N, C-alpha and C. Protein backbone atom coordinates (compact mmCIF):
# COMPACT_ATOMS: atom_id res chain seq x y z
N UNK A 1 -24.19 -4.83 -8.25
CA UNK A 1 -22.98 -4.41 -7.42
C UNK A 1 -21.61 -4.35 -7.39
N UNK A 2 -21.28 -3.82 -6.96
CA UNK A 2 -19.42 -4.47 -7.56
C UNK A 2 -18.69 -3.16 -6.08
N UNK A 3 -17.88 -4.08 -5.78
CA UNK A 3 -16.98 -3.85 -4.48
C UNK A 3 -15.91 -4.08 -5.29
N UNK A 4 -14.59 -3.35 -4.83
CA UNK A 4 -12.41 -3.44 -5.14
C UNK A 4 -12.86 -4.47 -4.11
N UNK A 5 -12.11 -6.30 -4.05
CA UNK A 5 -11.93 -7.06 -3.28
C UNK A 5 -10.75 -7.34 -3.29
N UNK A 6 -9.98 -6.92 -3.96
CA UNK A 6 -8.55 -7.30 -3.95
C UNK A 6 -7.72 -6.15 -4.90
N UNK A 7 -6.69 -5.61 -4.76
CA UNK A 7 -5.90 -5.50 -5.47
C UNK A 7 -4.71 -5.49 -5.62
N UNK A 8 -4.12 -5.75 -7.06
CA UNK A 8 -3.03 -6.74 -7.08
C UNK A 8 -1.97 -6.36 -7.45
N UNK A 9 -0.87 -6.33 -7.21
CA UNK A 9 0.61 -6.10 -7.18
C UNK A 9 1.66 -7.30 -7.72
N UNK A 10 2.13 -6.74 -8.42
CA UNK A 10 3.25 -7.85 -9.74
C UNK A 10 4.14 -7.85 -8.44
N UNK A 11 4.75 -9.07 -8.07
CA UNK A 11 6.44 -8.69 -7.51
C UNK A 11 6.83 -9.33 -8.00
N UNK A 12 8.80 -9.08 -7.29
CA UNK A 12 8.95 -10.44 -7.84
C UNK A 12 9.38 -11.38 -6.74
N UNK A 13 10.03 -11.00 -5.68
CA UNK A 13 9.90 -11.21 -4.23
C UNK A 13 9.05 -11.63 -3.51
N UNK A 14 8.46 -12.96 -3.41
CA UNK A 14 7.05 -12.45 -2.27
C UNK A 14 6.94 -12.79 -1.56
N UNK A 15 7.93 -14.13 -0.51
CA UNK A 15 8.35 -13.66 0.54
C UNK A 15 8.98 -12.63 1.45
N UNK A 16 9.23 -11.76 0.51
CA UNK A 16 9.86 -10.72 1.56
C UNK A 16 8.79 -8.96 0.32
N UNK A 17 8.13 -9.08 0.08
CA UNK A 17 6.87 -9.13 -0.30
C UNK A 17 5.84 -9.04 0.61
N UNK A 18 5.59 -9.87 1.25
CA UNK A 18 4.18 -10.44 1.86
C UNK A 18 4.48 -9.72 3.46
N UNK A 19 5.81 -9.99 3.68
CA UNK A 19 7.00 -9.70 4.86
C UNK A 19 6.78 -7.67 4.76
N UNK A 20 6.64 -7.04 3.60
CA UNK A 20 6.45 -5.38 4.13
C UNK A 20 5.09 -5.29 3.90
N UNK A 21 4.79 -6.09 2.96
CA UNK A 21 3.07 -5.37 2.74
C UNK A 21 2.54 -5.83 4.24
N UNK A 22 2.57 -7.02 4.54
CA UNK A 22 1.88 -7.16 5.74
C UNK A 22 2.25 -6.82 7.12
N UNK A 23 3.16 -5.73 7.45
CA UNK A 23 3.35 -5.32 8.18
C UNK A 23 2.94 -3.95 8.47
N UNK A 24 3.52 -2.96 7.05
CA UNK A 24 3.18 -1.84 6.38
C UNK A 24 1.79 -1.81 6.84
N UNK A 25 0.94 -2.48 6.15
CA UNK A 25 -0.88 -2.35 6.49
C UNK A 25 -0.98 -3.56 7.73
N UNK A 26 -1.14 -4.31 8.26
CA UNK A 26 -0.88 -4.83 9.55
C UNK A 26 -2.10 -5.22 8.68
N UNK A 27 -2.21 -6.43 7.56
CA UNK A 27 -2.92 -7.44 7.75
C UNK A 27 -2.31 -8.38 7.23
N UNK A 28 -2.95 -10.12 7.51
CA UNK A 28 -2.97 -11.07 7.32
C UNK A 28 -2.66 -11.68 6.21
N UNK A 29 -2.53 -13.21 6.37
CA UNK A 29 -2.00 -14.00 5.26
C UNK A 29 -3.08 -14.27 5.00
N UNK A 30 -3.86 -15.49 3.77
CA UNK A 30 -4.55 -16.17 3.80
C UNK A 30 -3.46 -17.03 3.49
N UNK A 31 -4.33 -18.70 4.32
CA UNK A 31 -3.32 -19.82 4.27
C UNK A 31 -3.79 -20.14 3.28
N UNK A 32 -3.44 -21.05 2.56
CA UNK A 32 -2.31 -21.58 2.70
C UNK A 32 -1.42 -20.03 0.76
N UNK A 33 -0.06 -20.49 1.43
CA UNK A 33 -0.07 -19.62 -0.06
C UNK A 33 0.53 -20.19 -0.65
N UNK A 34 -0.14 -20.00 -2.02
CA UNK A 34 0.77 -20.47 -3.19
C UNK A 34 1.93 -20.53 -4.02
N UNK A 35 3.03 -21.06 -4.96
CA UNK A 35 4.62 -20.74 -4.81
C UNK A 35 4.59 -19.56 -5.01
N UNK A 36 3.62 -18.93 -6.39
CA UNK A 36 3.71 -17.72 -6.98
C UNK A 36 2.34 -16.24 -6.34
N UNK A 37 1.66 -16.76 -4.96
CA UNK A 37 0.67 -16.16 -4.78
C UNK A 37 0.08 -15.61 -3.84
N UNK A 38 -0.09 -14.40 -3.02
CA UNK A 38 -0.83 -14.19 -1.91
C UNK A 38 -1.45 -13.59 -1.15
N UNK A 39 -2.31 -13.61 -0.90
CA UNK A 39 -3.53 -12.95 -0.29
C UNK A 39 -3.30 -12.16 0.65
N UNK A 40 -3.40 -11.29 1.43
CA UNK A 40 -3.27 -10.38 2.43
C UNK A 40 -4.41 -9.43 2.62
N UNK A 41 -5.36 -10.13 3.82
CA UNK A 41 -6.71 -9.00 3.87
C UNK A 41 -6.56 -8.58 5.25
N UNK A 42 -7.26 -7.34 5.75
CA UNK A 42 -7.68 -6.94 7.06
C UNK A 42 -7.61 -7.88 7.94
N UNK A 43 -7.03 -8.42 9.09
CA UNK A 43 -7.22 -9.33 10.33
C UNK A 43 -8.57 -8.99 11.11
N UNK A 44 -8.99 -8.44 10.64
CA UNK A 44 -10.56 -7.61 11.30
C UNK A 44 -11.98 -7.81 10.61
N UNK A 45 -11.52 -8.23 9.71
CA UNK A 45 -12.99 -8.24 9.01
C UNK A 45 -13.34 -7.52 7.70
N UNK A 46 -14.05 -6.81 6.85
CA UNK A 46 -14.17 -6.24 5.52
C UNK A 46 -13.01 -5.28 5.40
N UNK A 47 -13.31 -4.57 4.12
CA UNK A 47 -12.53 -3.97 3.36
C UNK A 47 -10.86 -4.33 2.47
N UNK A 48 -10.30 -3.82 1.41
CA UNK A 48 -10.18 -4.68 0.53
C UNK A 48 -8.43 -5.29 0.54
N UNK A 49 -8.70 -6.44 -0.07
CA UNK A 49 -7.41 -7.30 -0.02
C UNK A 49 -6.32 -6.05 -0.50
N UNK A 50 -4.62 -6.98 -0.77
CA UNK A 50 -4.17 -6.89 -1.77
C UNK A 50 -3.53 -7.85 -1.48
N UNK A 51 -3.46 -8.56 -2.82
CA UNK A 51 -2.85 -9.61 -3.49
C UNK A 51 -1.82 -9.26 -4.44
N UNK A 52 -0.60 -10.43 -3.97
CA UNK A 52 0.93 -10.51 -4.68
C UNK A 52 0.59 -11.72 -5.33
N UNK A 53 1.00 -11.32 -6.88
CA UNK A 53 1.34 -12.07 -7.63
C UNK A 53 2.45 -12.10 -8.41
N UNK A 54 3.23 -13.13 -7.87
CA UNK A 54 4.66 -13.26 -8.39
C UNK A 54 5.08 -13.44 -9.89
N UNK A 55 4.77 -12.60 -10.29
CA UNK A 55 4.56 -12.47 -12.15
C UNK A 55 5.51 -11.82 -12.68
N UNK A 56 6.38 -11.65 -13.23
CA UNK A 56 7.72 -10.64 -14.84
C UNK A 56 6.48 -9.74 -15.17
N UNK A 57 6.88 -9.02 -15.00
CA UNK A 57 5.60 -7.44 -15.31
C UNK A 57 6.89 -6.36 -15.71
N UNK A 58 7.21 -5.48 -16.60
CA UNK A 58 8.01 -4.74 -17.25
C UNK A 58 7.49 -3.66 -15.83
N UNK A 59 7.90 -2.61 -15.65
CA UNK A 59 7.44 -2.00 -14.20
C UNK A 59 7.68 -0.40 -15.50
N UNK A 60 6.30 0.33 -15.15
CA UNK A 60 6.29 1.46 -16.05
C UNK A 60 6.42 2.77 -15.03
N UNK A 61 7.08 3.30 -15.40
CA UNK A 61 6.54 4.74 -14.86
C UNK A 61 6.38 6.20 -15.62
N UNK A 62 5.35 7.55 -15.09
CA UNK A 62 4.96 6.77 -14.40
C UNK A 62 3.30 5.29 -13.96
N UNK A 63 3.57 5.52 -12.69
CA UNK A 63 2.85 3.54 -12.53
C UNK A 63 1.61 4.17 -13.30
N UNK A 64 0.89 3.40 -13.62
CA UNK A 64 -1.02 3.46 -14.17
C UNK A 64 -1.75 2.87 -13.74
N UNK A 65 -1.45 2.66 -12.29
CA UNK A 65 -2.37 2.32 -10.73
C UNK A 65 -1.29 2.75 -9.73
N UNK A 66 -1.90 2.48 -8.55
CA UNK A 66 -1.09 3.17 -7.26
C UNK A 66 -1.87 2.96 -6.42
N UNK A 67 -1.57 2.51 -4.77
CA UNK A 67 -2.01 2.51 -4.06
C UNK A 67 -2.45 3.93 -3.27
N UNK A 68 -3.34 4.62 -2.48
CA UNK A 68 -3.46 5.77 -1.58
C UNK A 68 -3.92 5.32 -0.39
N UNK A 69 -2.54 5.83 0.22
CA UNK A 69 -2.75 5.08 2.20
C UNK A 69 -2.99 6.25 2.46
N UNK A 70 -4.30 6.30 3.66
CA UNK A 70 -4.76 7.30 4.41
C UNK A 70 -4.33 7.51 5.29
N UNK A 71 -3.88 8.30 6.25
CA UNK A 71 -2.35 8.35 7.33
C UNK A 71 -3.25 9.42 8.30
N UNK A 72 -3.63 8.84 9.88
CA UNK A 72 -4.24 10.08 10.78
C UNK A 72 -2.77 11.21 10.58
N UNK A 73 -1.51 10.30 10.80
CA UNK A 73 0.09 11.06 11.41
C UNK A 73 0.60 10.86 10.26
N UNK A 74 0.87 11.53 8.88
CA UNK A 74 1.36 11.02 7.64
C UNK A 74 2.79 10.83 8.26
N UNK A 75 3.48 11.39 8.98
CA UNK A 75 5.20 12.48 8.93
C UNK A 75 5.46 10.83 9.70
N UNK A 76 4.21 10.00 11.13
CA UNK A 76 4.69 8.59 11.67
C UNK A 76 4.59 7.79 10.46
N UNK A 77 3.41 7.74 9.52
CA UNK A 77 3.62 6.26 9.17
C UNK A 77 4.86 6.53 7.29
N UNK A 78 4.99 7.58 7.15
CA UNK A 78 6.17 8.37 6.01
C UNK A 78 7.21 7.29 6.71
N UNK A 79 7.95 7.71 8.11
CA UNK A 79 8.98 7.05 8.93
C UNK A 79 8.52 5.42 8.53
N UNK A 80 7.89 5.30 9.50
CA UNK A 80 7.60 3.63 10.12
C UNK A 80 8.01 3.03 8.21
N UNK A 81 6.33 3.28 7.64
CA UNK A 81 7.16 2.49 6.14
C UNK A 81 8.90 2.33 5.34
N UNK A 82 9.12 3.70 5.98
CA UNK A 82 10.95 3.93 5.78
C UNK A 82 11.35 3.36 6.57
N UNK A 83 11.09 3.19 7.80
CA UNK A 83 12.00 1.70 8.32
C UNK A 83 11.80 0.09 8.35
N UNK A 84 10.82 -0.06 7.68
CA UNK A 84 10.33 -1.14 7.05
C UNK A 84 10.09 -1.81 5.58
N UNK A 85 11.16 -0.49 4.86
CA UNK A 85 12.14 -0.36 3.63
C UNK A 85 11.53 0.28 2.51
N UNK A 86 10.51 1.16 3.01
CA UNK A 86 10.29 1.84 1.52
C UNK A 86 10.53 3.43 1.34
N UNK A 87 10.90 3.71 -0.02
CA UNK A 87 11.09 5.05 0.09
C UNK A 87 10.44 5.86 -0.82
N UNK A 88 10.91 7.30 -0.12
CA UNK A 88 10.42 8.44 -0.77
C UNK A 88 10.76 8.32 -2.13
N UNK A 89 9.60 8.63 -2.00
CA UNK A 89 10.05 9.21 -4.27
C UNK A 89 9.99 10.57 -4.64
N UNK A 90 10.81 11.56 -4.49
CA UNK A 90 10.63 13.35 -4.82
C UNK A 90 10.19 13.02 -6.15
N UNK A 91 9.08 14.55 -6.15
CA UNK A 91 8.57 14.77 -7.39
C UNK A 91 9.07 16.39 -7.45
N UNK A 92 9.70 16.47 -8.72
CA UNK A 92 9.47 17.67 -8.98
C UNK A 92 8.92 18.90 -9.08
N UNK A 93 7.44 18.18 -9.44
CA UNK A 93 6.04 18.60 -9.89
C UNK A 93 5.34 18.57 -8.84
N UNK A 94 5.74 18.03 -7.47
CA UNK A 94 4.48 18.24 -6.29
C UNK A 94 4.53 19.59 -5.97
N UNK A 95 3.32 19.56 -5.98
CA UNK A 95 2.55 21.21 -5.11
C UNK A 95 3.00 21.36 -3.71
N UNK A 96 3.60 22.18 -3.40
CA UNK A 96 4.62 22.54 -2.49
C UNK A 96 3.49 22.78 -1.08
N UNK A 97 2.12 22.20 -1.38
CA UNK A 97 0.66 22.21 -0.18
C UNK A 97 0.05 20.78 -0.46
N UNK A 98 1.08 20.01 -1.39
CA UNK A 98 0.37 18.16 -1.31
C UNK A 98 -0.19 18.11 -0.01
N UNK A 99 -1.13 16.96 -0.03
CA UNK A 99 -1.31 16.45 0.87
C UNK A 99 -1.46 14.99 0.92
N UNK A 100 -0.20 14.77 0.01
CA UNK A 100 0.40 12.64 -0.07
C UNK A 100 1.79 13.81 0.05
N UNK A 101 3.03 12.46 0.13
CA UNK A 101 4.08 12.01 0.07
C UNK A 101 3.95 10.37 -0.96
N UNK A 102 4.50 10.82 -2.25
CA UNK A 102 4.66 9.81 -2.76
C UNK A 102 5.96 8.91 -2.29
N UNK A 103 5.85 7.55 -2.54
CA UNK A 103 6.57 6.39 -1.96
C UNK A 103 6.45 5.01 -2.52
N UNK A 104 7.68 3.96 -2.52
CA UNK A 104 7.78 2.80 -3.33
C UNK A 104 8.13 1.70 -2.11
N UNK A 105 7.40 0.80 -2.49
CA UNK A 105 7.99 -0.32 -1.22
C UNK A 105 9.39 -0.78 -2.31
N UNK A 106 10.32 -2.14 -1.54
CA UNK A 106 11.10 -2.49 -1.09
C UNK A 106 11.63 -2.65 -2.98
N UNK A 107 10.61 -3.07 -3.40
CA UNK A 107 10.97 -3.59 -5.68
C UNK A 107 10.11 -2.43 -6.17
N UNK A 108 9.89 -1.05 -6.12
CA UNK A 108 9.81 0.14 -6.50
C UNK A 108 8.60 -0.17 -6.86
N UNK A 109 7.14 -0.95 -6.42
CA UNK A 109 5.69 -0.44 -6.44
C UNK A 109 5.31 0.73 -5.81
N UNK A 110 4.72 1.96 -6.20
CA UNK A 110 4.20 3.05 -6.40
C UNK A 110 3.76 3.01 -5.38
N UNK A 111 3.57 3.79 -4.24
CA UNK A 111 1.87 4.32 -3.48
C UNK A 111 1.91 6.16 -2.63
N UNK A 112 0.94 6.16 -2.60
CA UNK A 112 0.99 7.49 -2.08
C UNK A 112 0.72 7.36 -0.38
N UNK A 113 1.18 8.35 0.70
CA UNK A 113 0.46 8.25 2.15
C UNK A 113 0.27 9.74 2.00
N UNK A 114 -1.34 9.97 2.02
CA UNK A 114 -2.59 10.96 2.54
C UNK A 114 -2.84 11.30 3.24
N UNK A 115 -1.55 12.61 4.22
CA UNK A 115 -2.02 13.24 4.80
C UNK A 115 -4.00 13.26 5.16
N UNK A 116 -4.77 12.01 5.90
CA UNK A 116 -6.09 12.02 6.82
C UNK A 116 -6.59 13.00 7.23
N UNK A 117 -5.56 13.81 8.05
CA UNK A 117 -6.14 14.05 10.00
C UNK A 117 -7.14 15.04 9.29
N UNK A 118 -7.45 16.23 8.38
CA UNK A 118 -8.09 17.11 8.63
C UNK A 118 -9.47 16.84 7.74
N UNK A 119 -8.87 15.44 7.07
CA UNK A 119 -10.59 14.87 6.16
C UNK A 119 -11.80 14.46 6.91
N UNK A 120 -13.37 14.79 7.60
CA UNK A 120 -13.90 14.64 8.70
C UNK A 120 -14.41 13.57 7.80
N UNK A 121 -14.28 13.09 6.76
CA UNK A 121 -14.90 12.18 6.06
C UNK A 121 -14.16 10.63 6.82
N UNK A 122 -12.63 10.98 7.48
CA UNK A 122 -12.24 9.61 7.04
C UNK A 122 -12.47 9.35 8.90
N UNK A 123 -12.60 9.75 10.01
CA UNK A 123 -12.84 9.39 11.06
C UNK A 123 -13.83 8.85 10.96
N UNK A 124 -14.84 9.36 10.14
CA UNK A 124 -16.58 8.37 10.42
C UNK A 124 -16.84 6.88 9.53
N UNK A 125 -15.30 6.92 8.33
CA UNK A 125 -14.88 6.10 7.61
C UNK A 125 -14.31 4.77 8.42
N UNK A 126 -13.47 5.36 8.57
CA UNK A 126 -12.85 4.41 9.92
C UNK A 126 -14.06 3.58 11.65
N UNK A 127 -14.34 4.30 11.79
CA UNK A 127 -15.55 4.30 13.03
C UNK A 127 -17.01 2.75 12.46
N UNK A 128 -16.82 2.67 10.83
CA UNK A 128 -17.40 2.00 9.85
C UNK A 128 -18.61 2.83 10.20
């Protein structure tokens, strides 16, 4: 059996990205932090971790992989993430009725904020 343990994001400024992603996800940092690597994890137990790897890499658009972050209140989360330093990415081909907003972190790593308010499985998933 396999489970997703961690998603790794390549970053340039490790300290700034630790600050952004730990506040964005309400995750905590596993100590000690390496010079070029940090693991962020949910504070209350299970769930996928996010690892930040300070290694040079070429930015490719569209990215080959990205995070989908589910939100009960999409508009509020997009606003909060924007205050933390994220930016909304406008895409001409985005369907009018799309349930996602494309964003990027302060270094340009893309992710989507999904409107999960009407997804019946979301509430049950959150309860565990």
